[in-house]
Amino acid sequence: MNATRLIMMDGVTTMPMPVEYMFQLSEIHRYYDPQKGQHNAVISNPAPGVFINAVSRPGPTLTMIASPDSRLVLLC
């Protein structure tokens, strides 16, 4: 009978979220060390606005670019 509450959590503390529209955008860069042998770099989009990129030196950074509604994905 009650509306769903929105809360933000960091694993320990909870905080009520405002009722206004919120959008998150974050980029996580994972480093793959070529000195540790062959590896498979993984890039992903685990949630809308959250991108996990792969970084390896020497070599390019693998990034994912997507529209806010995830209808278009470009791998660069």
Protein backbone atom coordinates (compact mmCIF):
# COMPACT_ATOMS: atom_id res chain seq x y z
CA MET A 1 0.00 0.00 0.00
CA ASN A 2 2.99 2.35 0.46
CA ALA A 3 5.14 3.76 -2.33
CA THR A 4 8.65 2.37 -2.73
CA ARG A 5 11.33 4.38 -0.92
CA LEU A 6 14.53 5.28 -2.73
CA ILE A 7 17.70 4.95 -0.64
CA MET A 8 21.43 5.18 -1.35
CA MET A 9 23.75 2.74 0.40
CA ASP A 10 27.51 2.47 0.70
CA GLY A 11 27.39 -0.95 2.34
CA VAL A 12 27.13 0.45 5.86
CA THR A 13 25.17 3.69 5.88
CA THR A 14 21.83 4.37 4.21
CA MET A 15 20.60 7.77 3.08
CA PRO A 16 17.14 8.65 1.75
CA MET A 17 17.14 9.79 -1.86
CA PRO A 18 15.29 12.86 -3.07
CA VAL A 19 12.17 12.23 -5.14
CA GLU A 20 13.50 14.29 -8.07
CA TYR A 21 14.99 12.64 -11.14
CA MET A 22 18.59 11.51 -10.68
CA PHE A 23 21.11 10.28 -13.24
CA GLN A 24 24.44 8.69 -12.48
CA LEU A 25 27.46 8.75 -14.72
CA SER A 26 30.70 7.06 -13.81
CA GLU A 27 33.68 5.56 -15.56
CA ILE A 28 35.76 2.85 -13.93
CA HIS A 29 39.19 2.15 -15.44
CA ARG A 30 40.59 -1.36 -14.85
CA TYR A 31 44.31 -1.80 -15.45
CA TYR A 32 45.51 -5.02 -17.07
CA ASP A 33 49.24 -5.63 -16.54
CA PRO A 34 50.86 -7.20 -19.63
CA GLN A 35 53.83 -8.27 -17.45
CA LYS A 36 51.55 -10.81 -15.74
CA GLY A 37 50.97 -12.71 -18.98
CA GLN A 38 48.19 -12.90 -21.51
CA HIS A 39 44.86 -11.49 -20.41
CA ASN A 40 41.37 -10.91 -21.73
CA ALA A 41 40.34 -7.31 -21.18
CA VAL A 42 36.70 -6.85 -20.26
CA ILE A 43 34.66 -3.72 -20.87
CA SER A 44 31.08 -3.53 -19.70
CA ASN A 45 28.07 -1.39 -18.89
CA PRO A 46 26.73 -2.95 -15.64
CA ALA A 47 24.11 -0.22 -15.09
CA PRO A 48 22.79 2.77 -17.06
CA GLY A 49 25.47 5.48 -17.02
CA VAL A 50 28.19 3.21 -15.52
CA PHE A 51 31.03 2.12 -17.80
CA ILE A 52 33.97 -0.17 -17.01
CA ASN A 53 36.95 0.50 -19.34
CA ALA A 54 40.10 -1.57 -19.88
CA VAL A 55 43.56 0.05 -19.68
CA SER A 56 46.76 -1.71 -20.71
CA ARG A 57 50.21 -0.22 -21.26
CA PRO A 58 51.55 -0.34 -23.87
CA GLY A 59 48.34 -0.30 -25.81
CA PRO A 60 45.13 1.64 -26.21
CA THR A 61 42.43 2.15 -23.60
CA LEU A 62 39.31 0.21 -24.54
CA THR A 63 36.24 2.32 -23.81
CA MET A 64 32.53 1.96 -24.37
CA ILE A 65 30.38 4.90 -25.42
CA ALA A 66 26.62 4.51 -25.17
CA SER A 67 23.56 6.69 -25.35
CA PRO A 68 21.75 7.39 -22.05
CA ASP A 69 18.97 4.94 -22.93
CA SER A 70 21.49 2.23 -24.03
CA ARG A 71 20.07 1.91 -27.56
CA LEU A 72 23.41 2.66 -29.21
CA VAL A 73 26.81 1.30 -28.13
CA LEU A 74 30.16 2.28 -29.70
CA LEU A 75 33.37 0.47 -28.79
CA CYS A 76 36.44 2.72 -29.15
